[in-house]
Protein backbone atom coordinates (compact mmCIF):
# COMPACT_ATOMS: atom_id res chain seq x y z
CA UNK A 1 55.01 35.92 33.70
CA UNK A 2 57.63 38.25 34.01
CA UNK A 3 55.01 40.55 35.87
CA UNK A 4 54.60 37.21 38.75
CA UNK A 5 58.62 37.45 39.06
CA UNK A 6 58.60 41.25 39.61
CA UNK A 7 56.04 41.46 42.04
CA UNK A 8 57.65 39.28 44.78
CA UNK A 9 61.02 40.86 44.26
CA UNK A 10 59.65 44.14 44.60
CA UNK A 11 57.95 43.68 47.92
CA UNK A 12 60.83 42.21 49.13
CA UNK A 13 62.45 45.53 48.60
CA UNK A 14 59.75 47.24 49.93
CA UNK A 15 60.41 45.42 52.80
CA UNK A 16 63.99 45.67 53.14
CA UNK A 17 63.59 49.54 52.91
CA UNK A 18 60.43 49.78 55.31
CA UNK A 19 62.38 47.92 58.05
CA UNK A 20 65.78 49.73 57.35
CA UNK A 21 64.79 52.94 59.85
CA UNK A 22 64.14 50.03 62.42
CA UNK A 23 67.47 48.93 62.07
CA UNK A 24 68.83 52.21 62.31
CA UNK A 25 67.29 53.45 64.86
CA UNK A 26 68.38 50.71 67.33
CA UNK A 27 71.66 51.26 66.65
CA UNK A 28 71.29 54.74 67.36
CA UNK A 29 69.96 53.73 70.34
CA UNK A 30 72.30 52.30 72.04
CA UNK A 31 75.14 54.69 70.84
CA UNK A 32 73.01 57.81 72.16
CA UNK A 33 72.54 55.22 75.57
CA UNK A 34 76.44 54.92 75.98
CA UNK A 35 77.03 58.12 75.06
CA UNK A 36 74.79 59.11 78.24
CA UNK A 37 76.28 56.88 79.68
CA UNK A 38 80.07 58.41 79.38
CA UNK A 39 78.23 61.88 80.32
CA UNK A 40 76.81 61.08 83.08
CA UNK A 41 80.40 59.28 84.23
CA UNK A 42 81.36 62.87 83.41
CA UNK A 43 79.74 64.71 85.12
CA UNK A 44 80.15 62.35 88.08
CA UNK A 45 84.37 62.90 87.94
CA UNK A 46 84.12 66.97 87.13
CA UNK A 47 81.44 67.32 90.35
CA UNK A 48 84.38 64.77 92.12
CA UNK A 49 87.16 67.32 91.17
CA UNK A 50 84.70 70.60 92.08
CA UNK A 51 84.47 69.44 95.21
CA UNK A 52 88.30 68.24 95.67
CA UNK A 53 88.95 72.11 94.66
CA UNK A 54 86.89 73.42 97.06
CA UNK A 55 88.36 71.21 99.84
CA UNK A 56 91.81 71.97 99.00
CA UNK A 57 90.87 75.94 98.24
CA UNK A 58 89.56 75.60 102.44
CA UNK A 59 92.60 74.06 103.03
CA UNK A 60 95.14 76.74 101.59
CA UNK A 61 92.88 79.24 103.52
CA UNK A 62 93.36 77.96 106.80
CA UNK A 63 97.12 78.19 106.43
CA UNK A 64 97.45 74.01 105.26
CA UNK A 65 100.20 73.63 102.98
CA UNK A 66 99.56 70.39 100.14
CA UNK A 67 102.41 68.62 98.47
CA UNK A 68 102.41 66.12 96.09
CA UNK A 69 105.65 64.58 97.43
CA UNK A 70 104.88 62.12 100.10
CA UNK A 71 105.99 63.38 103.41
CA UNK A 72 108.33 60.68 104.48
CA UNK A 73 110.81 59.41 101.05
CA UNK A 74 109.94 55.63 100.78
CA UNK A 75 113.18 53.35 101.17
CA UNK A 76 114.98 51.33 97.89
CA UNK A 77 112.97 48.42 96.52
CA UNK A 78 109.48 50.30 95.50
CA UNK A 79 107.12 47.39 96.56
CA UNK A 80 109.09 44.94 98.02
CA UNK A 81 109.80 46.63 100.95
CA UNK A 82 107.15 46.85 104.00
CA UNK A 83 108.53 50.05 104.81
CA UNK A 84 106.78 51.37 101.36
CA UNK A 85 103.58 49.62 101.62
CA UNK A 86 103.15 51.18 105.31
CA UNK A 87 103.22 54.42 103.29
CA UNK A 88 100.50 54.44 101.83
CA UNK A 89 96.94 56.11 102.73
CA UNK A 90 93.64 56.06 101.38
CA UNK A 91 93.00 58.87 99.00
CA UNK A 92 96.92 59.49 97.82
CA UNK A 93 96.94 59.90 94.12
CA UNK A 94 98.33 56.69 91.73
CA UNK A 95 100.74 59.61 91.04
CA UNK A 96 102.00 59.66 94.95
CA UNK A 97 101.34 55.53 94.76
CA UNK A 98 103.43 54.93 91.81
CA UNK A 99 106.34 57.19 93.76
CA UNK A 100 106.70 54.70 96.54
CA UNK A 101 106.07 51.56 95.04
CA UNK A 102 107.11 51.98 91.41
CA UNK A 103 105.38 50.93 88.70
CA UNK A 104 103.00 47.60 88.87
CA UNK A 105 103.93 44.67 87.50
CA UNK A 106 100.27 44.67 85.09
CA UNK A 107 97.61 46.87 85.58
CA UNK A 108 93.57 46.26 84.61
CA UNK A 109 90.94 48.31 84.50
CA UNK A 110 86.81 47.84 84.89
CA UNK A 111 84.89 50.92 83.75
CA UNK A 112 86.23 53.70 86.28
CA UNK A 113 88.15 51.30 88.35
CA UNK A 114 92.11 50.57 88.12
CA UNK A 115 93.35 47.45 89.76
CA UNK A 116 97.49 47.43 90.20
CA UNK A 117 98.97 44.57 90.81
CA UNK A 118 102.45 44.39 92.63
CA UNK A 119 103.54 40.47 92.93
CA UNK A 120 100.28 39.05 94.52
CA UNK A 121 99.56 42.26 96.46
CA UNK A 122 97.11 44.31 94.52
CA UNK A 123 95.96 47.90 94.78
CA UNK A 124 92.38 49.30 93.79
CA UNK A 125 92.19 53.07 92.75
CA UNK A 126 89.29 54.86 91.61
CA UNK A 127 89.57 57.75 89.46
CA UNK A 128 92.99 57.75 90.07
CA UNK A 129 92.83 57.87 93.72
CA UNK A 130 93.84 54.89 96.34
CA UNK A 131 90.92 53.30 97.85
CA UNK A 132 92.10 49.97 99.22
CA UNK A 133 95.40 47.40 99.06
CA UNK A 134 96.49 43.95 99.70
CA UNK A 135 99.93 43.72 100.51
CA UNK A 136 101.73 40.75 98.80
CA UNK A 137 103.73 38.37 100.47
CA UNK A 138 107.40 37.34 100.83
CA UNK A 139 107.84 41.65 101.30
CA UNK A 140 111.24 42.36 102.69
CA UNK A 141 110.70 43.59 106.77
CA UNK A 142 114.03 46.00 106.83
């Protein structure tokens, strides 16, 4: 009698042990997919940075000067002033934007995009560069 109970238990254990590699391999495959995606994102960021460095070096060689500071000083009041929103230019660094508008009320990140919210206005930042913006309502014109 004890043999009849031992055999099914042994088969269950054997089946579990045989299925273990399937579970492990599927978990590893998911991890590898995530890592492959992250590597591709990093490769693209590196490529973008290399292109930016090349453009900057070409501009420097032609005598252009580059400054991290905005060309026109923002007025006090940050994002609540229309004049400061007029200083924004696509491609500005997130540091330049924050120097003009101040710290956002809140931020949201989706993959490589960041969304900055000022009142009911919104900025779209991609790879630390300003892409687009919506000026909030009710800001002071002067």
